Amino acid sequence: MVKHVLSEFFGTLVDYNPSVRPAYNAPLAFARRAGSAIDETASAAHWQQAWERPEAHAVGTGREYSMNQVAQQYWRSIGAPSLAADAIENLIAEYLDDWSQNVSPAAQPSNTSPTSQRITG
């Protein structure tokens, strides 16, 4: 009986080139809409740091984290300015929309099917 199916997301299910940066800087746009005078370099540093804490926790615990946690951490790191009611959700949507422009389904070898790589135990 199959108990688990393991997949490597990047390179197996999707192709993604992390060196291609999105044209739209959603975190910076979010900060500017909130009235922050943060520059692009500082915004990028805060955004990177907002990912590091939940990522380290995930590695240590094996538990995933949400984009909401990352967005909230970024917001706090730029001084927690007053926000419109849907500002965090808009940041997440804009970031994911732009980020996913560089993601496409990976080519599947002709001799395999999505279920042929199952690991049983």
Protein backbone atom coordinates (compact mmCIF):
# COMPACT_ATOMS: atom_id res chain seq x y z
CA MET A 1 0.00 0.00 0.00
CA VAL A 2 1.30 3.45 -0.88
CA LYS A 3 1.76 5.54 2.24
CA HIS A 4 3.58 8.58 0.88
CA VAL A 5 4.33 10.23 -2.43
CA LEU A 6 7.43 12.40 -2.48
CA SER A 7 8.09 15.00 -5.12
CA GLU A 8 10.78 17.58 -5.56
CA PHE A 9 8.77 20.63 -6.60
CA PHE A 10 11.42 22.68 -8.44
CA GLY A 11 12.94 20.88 -11.39
CA THR A 12 10.53 17.94 -11.15
CA LEU A 13 7.05 19.38 -11.17
CA VAL A 14 7.94 22.88 -12.32
CA ASP A 15 10.83 24.64 -14.01
CA TYR A 16 11.98 27.77 -12.24
CA ASN A 17 14.99 29.99 -12.72
CA PRO A 18 15.70 31.82 -9.43
CA SER A 19 18.17 34.15 -11.15
CA VAL A 20 15.34 35.79 -13.10
CA ARG A 21 14.00 38.57 -10.92
CA PRO A 22 10.39 39.69 -11.24
CA ALA A 23 9.91 43.01 -13.02
CA TYR A 24 7.50 44.25 -10.33
CA ASN A 25 8.77 44.70 -6.78
CA ALA A 26 5.67 43.85 -4.73
CA PRO A 27 7.27 44.32 -1.29
CA LEU A 28 8.59 47.77 -2.23
CA ALA A 29 5.23 48.77 -3.73
CA PHE A 30 3.52 47.57 -0.53
CA ALA A 31 5.88 49.66 1.61
CA ARG A 32 5.37 52.74 -0.53
CA ARG A 33 1.57 52.38 -0.44
CA ALA A 34 1.88 52.22 3.36
CA GLY A 35 3.76 55.52 3.34
CA SER A 36 7.25 54.17 3.95
CA ALA A 37 10.19 56.01 2.40
CA ILE A 38 12.24 52.79 2.34
CA ASP A 39 14.58 52.40 -0.62
CA GLU A 40 14.76 49.35 -2.88
CA THR A 41 17.91 47.92 -1.29
CA ALA A 42 16.54 48.17 2.25
CA SER A 43 13.20 46.75 1.15
CA ALA A 44 14.94 43.76 -0.44
CA ALA A 45 16.95 43.17 2.74
CA HIS A 46 13.83 43.31 4.92
CA TRP A 47 11.96 40.98 2.53
CA GLN A 48 14.82 38.46 2.62
CA GLN A 49 14.95 38.61 6.41
CA ALA A 50 11.18 38.14 6.58
CA TRP A 51 11.70 34.74 4.90
CA GLU A 52 14.68 33.66 7.00
CA ARG A 53 12.98 33.26 10.40
CA PRO A 54 10.05 31.07 9.27
CA GLU A 55 12.38 29.13 6.95
CA ALA A 56 14.77 28.36 9.81
CA HIS A 57 11.84 27.32 11.98
CA ALA A 58 10.51 25.09 9.17
CA VAL A 59 13.88 23.39 8.77
CA GLY A 60 14.07 22.75 12.49
CA THR A 61 10.51 21.51 12.94
CA GLY A 62 9.57 20.09 9.56
CA ARG A 63 6.49 22.33 9.55
CA GLU A 64 5.69 24.67 6.67
CA TYR A 65 4.88 28.35 7.02
CA SER A 66 2.52 30.67 5.22
CA MET A 67 2.98 33.68 3.01
CA ASN A 68 0.91 35.56 5.56
CA GLN A 69 3.64 34.97 8.16
CA VAL A 70 6.28 36.30 5.76
CA ALA A 71 4.20 39.34 4.81
CA GLN A 72 3.42 40.14 8.46
CA GLN A 73 7.10 39.87 9.38
CA TYR A 74 8.04 42.18 6.50
CA TRP A 75 5.39 44.70 7.58
CA ARG A 76 6.71 44.69 11.16
CA SER A 77 10.31 45.02 9.94
CA ILE A 78 9.52 48.22 8.02
CA GLY A 79 8.00 49.82 11.10
CA ALA A 80 4.43 48.45 11.04
CA PRO A 81 2.91 51.46 9.27
CA SER A 82 -0.87 51.86 9.13
CA LEU A 83 -2.38 49.70 6.42
CA ALA A 84 -5.55 49.44 4.41
CA ALA A 85 -7.70 46.47 5.48
CA ASP A 86 -6.59 44.25 2.60
CA ALA A 87 -2.97 45.42 2.28
CA ILE A 88 -1.32 42.19 3.49
CA GLU A 89 -3.51 40.06 1.21
CA ASN A 90 -2.71 42.38 -1.73
CA LEU A 91 1.04 42.08 -1.05
CA ILE A 92 0.77 38.30 -1.06
CA ALA A 93 -1.32 38.21 -4.25
CA GLU A 94 0.95 40.66 -6.08
CA TYR A 95 4.10 38.85 -5.02
CA LEU A 96 2.79 35.42 -6.01
CA ASP A 97 1.39 36.68 -9.31
CA ASP A 98 4.71 38.25 -10.27
CA TRP A 99 6.88 35.43 -8.89
CA SER A 100 4.89 32.75 -10.71
CA GLN A 101 5.61 34.38 -14.08
CA ASN A 102 8.95 32.51 -14.02
CA VAL A 103 7.40 29.13 -13.13
CA SER A 104 6.17 26.66 -15.73
CA PRO A 105 5.29 22.97 -15.73
CA ALA A 106 8.39 20.83 -16.08
CA ALA A 107 8.78 18.69 -19.15
CA GLN A 108 7.83 15.13 -18.34
CA PRO A 109 9.91 12.29 -19.79
CA SER A 110 7.84 10.26 -22.22
CA ASN A 111 8.51 6.97 -20.39
CA THR A 112 7.07 8.04 -17.04
CA SER A 113 3.74 9.10 -15.68
CA PRO A 114 3.13 11.35 -12.68
CA THR A 115 2.37 8.30 -10.52
CA SER A 116 5.25 6.09 -11.67
CA GLN A 117 7.76 7.56 -9.23
CA ARG A 118 6.03 6.46 -6.03
CA ILE A 119 8.02 5.39 -3.02
CA THR A 120 6.43 2.74 -0.86
CA GLY A 121 7.42 1.77 2.59
